[in-house]
Amino acid sequence: MLEILGRLENDYDVERTEGYGLDAELERGLEPARPHVRLDPRDPEAAPIAVVFSTFPGLNARFGRWFKEPFPSCGCDACDESAEGEIERLNEMVDNVVAGRFCEAIRRPLISFRGIGWREARFWSSVGRRTSRSRIDGFRAREMTGGRRRLDLNWKPWRRRRTTS
């Protein structure tokens, strides 16, 4: 993953931040193995990427504002996730974010008796699409949307770094 982050920093117009405590939600429940890394595109309409490295071994990644994904996704022996498969899955998600093929949404139903909301994320490419939807507390959803019923974030592609010749 460090190689991927280095390549992204070299090729794209981003600001890199390293340290501990950069993303408390992403770090929750993990024992950090090294300082975390966050890449923020200078274009505010492009999705940031943050990575927390754990001693598990593995990492948690945040794409955009809300979407979090662990690598490996489970880690138990029964799931039998391979390092190669997880690297491929991570690369595919990173490539989609960088290309602007990623969007997130928070939705609150018009009428909700249970006080729920929904967090959604979509990645897509020429080979397929991946959609994630999870329930969140209605009060948290209201906070995340600034009181709106829905908030859609359609992230733009990252801008390439200008080369000087």
Protein backbone atom coordinates (compact mmCIF):
# COMPACT_ATOMS: atom_id res chain seq x y z
CA MET A 1 0.00 0.00 0.00
CA LEU A 2 2.87 2.37 0.66
CA GLU A 3 3.92 1.96 -2.98
CA ILE A 4 0.40 2.80 -4.15
CA LEU A 5 0.28 5.91 -1.94
CA GLY A 6 3.71 7.00 -3.19
CA ARG A 7 2.64 6.57 -6.82
CA LEU A 8 -0.53 8.57 -6.22
CA GLU A 9 1.43 11.35 -4.52
CA ASN A 10 3.90 11.51 -7.43
CA ASP A 11 1.30 11.39 -10.20
CA TYR A 12 -1.56 13.50 -8.81
CA ASP A 13 -2.02 16.97 -7.37
CA VAL A 14 -2.53 15.92 -3.73
CA GLU A 15 -1.36 16.88 -0.29
CA ARG A 16 -0.02 14.04 1.88
CA THR A 17 -0.45 14.06 5.65
CA GLU A 18 1.07 11.41 7.94
CA GLY A 19 0.54 10.88 11.63
CA TYR A 20 -1.54 9.30 14.35
CA GLY A 21 -5.01 10.48 15.26
CA LEU A 22 -5.90 11.67 11.75
CA ASP A 23 -9.16 9.72 11.63
CA ALA A 24 -10.45 8.47 15.00
CA GLU A 25 -13.35 6.57 13.43
CA LEU A 26 -11.07 4.72 11.01
CA GLU A 27 -8.61 3.90 13.81
CA ARG A 28 -11.21 2.62 16.28
CA GLY A 29 -10.40 -0.88 17.50
CA LEU A 30 -7.02 -1.09 15.74
CA GLU A 31 -3.52 -1.16 17.07
CA PRO A 32 -1.58 1.06 14.65
CA ALA A 33 1.53 -0.43 13.05
CA ARG A 34 2.85 2.87 11.63
CA PRO A 35 1.70 6.45 11.08
CA HIS A 36 -1.48 6.78 9.08
CA VAL A 37 -1.52 8.40 5.64
CA ARG A 38 -4.09 10.72 4.12
CA LEU A 39 -4.05 11.99 0.53
CA ASP A 40 -6.19 15.06 -0.06
CA PRO A 41 -6.58 16.15 -3.67
CA ARG A 42 -6.16 19.90 -4.03
CA ASP A 43 -9.44 19.88 -5.96
CA PRO A 44 -12.11 19.79 -3.20
CA GLU A 45 -14.50 17.98 -5.55
CA ALA A 46 -12.17 14.95 -5.72
CA ALA A 47 -12.40 12.27 -3.01
CA PRO A 48 -9.63 11.95 -0.43
CA ILE A 49 -8.12 8.61 0.56
CA ALA A 50 -6.97 7.80 4.11
CA VAL A 51 -5.21 4.62 5.24
CA VAL A 52 -4.68 3.26 8.75
CA PHE A 53 -2.13 0.43 9.00
CA SER A 54 -2.79 -2.11 11.75
CA THR A 55 -0.76 -4.82 13.46
CA PHE A 56 -3.53 -7.33 12.55
CA PRO A 57 -1.90 -7.41 9.75
CA GLY A 58 -4.02 -5.33 7.50
CA LEU A 59 -5.33 -1.86 6.97
CA ASN A 60 -8.48 0.21 7.02
CA ALA A 61 -9.10 2.65 4.20
CA ARG A 62 -11.46 5.58 3.91
CA PHE A 63 -12.50 6.70 0.46
CA GLY A 64 -14.25 10.06 0.27
CA ARG A 65 -16.04 11.36 3.32
CA TRP A 66 -17.78 8.31 4.78
CA PHE A 67 -16.93 5.03 3.03
CA LYS A 68 -14.65 2.77 5.10
CA GLU A 69 -13.30 -0.60 4.04
CA PRO A 70 -11.01 -3.06 5.87
CA PHE A 71 -8.37 -5.11 4.02
CA PRO A 72 -8.76 -8.04 4.55
CA SER A 73 -12.49 -7.68 4.95
CA CYS A 74 -12.66 -10.42 7.58
CA GLY A 75 -9.36 -12.13 8.30
CA CYS A 76 -10.73 -15.39 9.71
CA ASP A 77 -9.42 -18.71 8.38
CA ALA A 78 -12.85 -19.73 7.05
CA CYS A 79 -13.02 -16.73 4.69
CA ASP A 80 -9.65 -17.66 3.19
CA GLU A 81 -8.92 -14.22 1.72
CA SER A 82 -5.63 -14.15 -0.17
CA ALA A 83 -3.16 -11.28 -0.01
CA GLU A 84 -3.19 -11.12 -3.82
CA GLY A 85 -6.98 -10.92 -3.95
CA GLU A 86 -7.08 -8.17 -1.32
CA ILE A 87 -4.37 -6.18 -3.10
CA GLU A 88 -6.35 -6.47 -6.34
CA ARG A 89 -9.55 -5.34 -4.59
CA LEU A 90 -7.73 -2.39 -2.99
CA ASN A 91 -6.11 -1.35 -6.30
CA GLU A 92 -9.46 -1.50 -8.08
CA MET A 93 -11.14 0.72 -5.47
CA VAL A 94 -8.25 3.21 -5.51
CA ASP A 95 -8.29 3.34 -9.32
CA ASN A 96 -12.05 4.01 -9.33
CA VAL A 97 -11.72 6.82 -6.76
CA VAL A 98 -8.86 8.46 -8.67
CA ALA A 99 -10.79 8.21 -11.97
CA GLY A 100 -13.91 9.80 -10.45
CA ARG A 101 -15.91 6.57 -10.61
CA PHE A 102 -17.06 6.80 -7.01
CA CYS A 103 -20.00 8.45 -5.27
CA GLU A 104 -21.42 8.48 -1.76
CA ALA A 105 -24.81 9.37 -0.35
CA ILE A 106 -26.56 9.80 2.97
CA ARG A 107 -30.32 9.41 2.89
CA ARG A 108 -33.00 9.90 5.52
CA PRO A 109 -36.50 8.58 4.81
CA LEU A 110 -39.35 11.07 4.70
CA ILE A 111 -41.07 9.10 7.46
CA SER A 112 -39.00 6.95 9.80
CA PHE A 113 -40.45 5.39 12.92
CA ARG A 114 -37.13 3.87 13.92
CA GLY A 115 -35.00 6.97 13.37
CA ILE A 116 -32.79 5.40 10.72
CA GLY A 117 -30.81 6.68 7.77
CA TRP A 118 -28.77 5.05 5.02
CA ARG A 119 -25.16 5.42 3.99
CA GLU A 120 -24.45 4.37 0.40
CA ALA A 121 -21.37 4.13 -1.80
CA ARG A 122 -20.90 3.12 -5.43
CA PHE A 123 -17.75 2.27 -7.38
CA TRP A 124 -17.84 1.40 -11.07
CA SER A 125 -15.59 0.63 -14.02
CA SER A 126 -15.80 -1.08 -17.39
CA VAL A 127 -15.53 -4.48 -15.67
CA GLY A 128 -18.31 -4.02 -13.13
CA ARG A 129 -19.72 -2.10 -10.22
CA ARG A 130 -19.77 -2.38 -6.47
CA THR A 131 -22.48 -0.92 -4.25
CA SER A 132 -22.54 -0.72 -0.48
CA ARG A 133 -25.49 0.28 1.66
CA SER A 134 -25.64 0.32 5.45
CA ARG A 135 -28.07 1.55 8.06
CA ILE A 136 -27.05 4.42 10.31
CA ASP A 137 -28.68 6.20 13.20
CA GLY A 138 -31.16 8.85 12.05
CA PHE A 139 -29.64 11.53 14.28
CA ARG A 140 -26.19 10.77 12.86
CA ALA A 141 -27.63 10.92 9.31
CA ARG A 142 -29.17 14.32 10.06
CA GLU A 143 -25.82 15.52 11.38
CA MET A 144 -23.96 14.17 8.33
CA THR A 145 -26.32 15.87 5.87
CA GLY A 146 -26.54 19.16 7.72
CA GLY A 147 -30.26 18.56 8.27
CA ARG A 148 -31.11 17.71 4.65
CA ARG A 149 -33.01 14.57 3.67
CA ARG A 150 -30.22 13.47 1.38
CA LEU A 151 -26.72 14.43 0.49
CA ASP A 152 -25.08 13.06 -2.66
CA LEU A 153 -21.35 13.38 -3.23
CA ASN A 154 -20.41 12.63 -6.84
CA TRP A 155 -16.64 12.78 -6.66
CA LYS A 156 -14.61 14.12 -9.59
CA PRO A 157 -11.41 12.59 -11.02
CA TRP A 158 -8.11 13.53 -9.44
CA ARG A 159 -6.06 16.08 -11.37
CA ARG A 160 -2.69 14.91 -12.60
CA ARG A 161 0.35 16.68 -11.24
CA ARG A 162 1.87 19.05 -13.74
CA THR A 163 5.34 18.05 -14.79
CA THR A 164 8.03 20.63 -15.29
CA SER A 165 10.40 20.04 -18.17
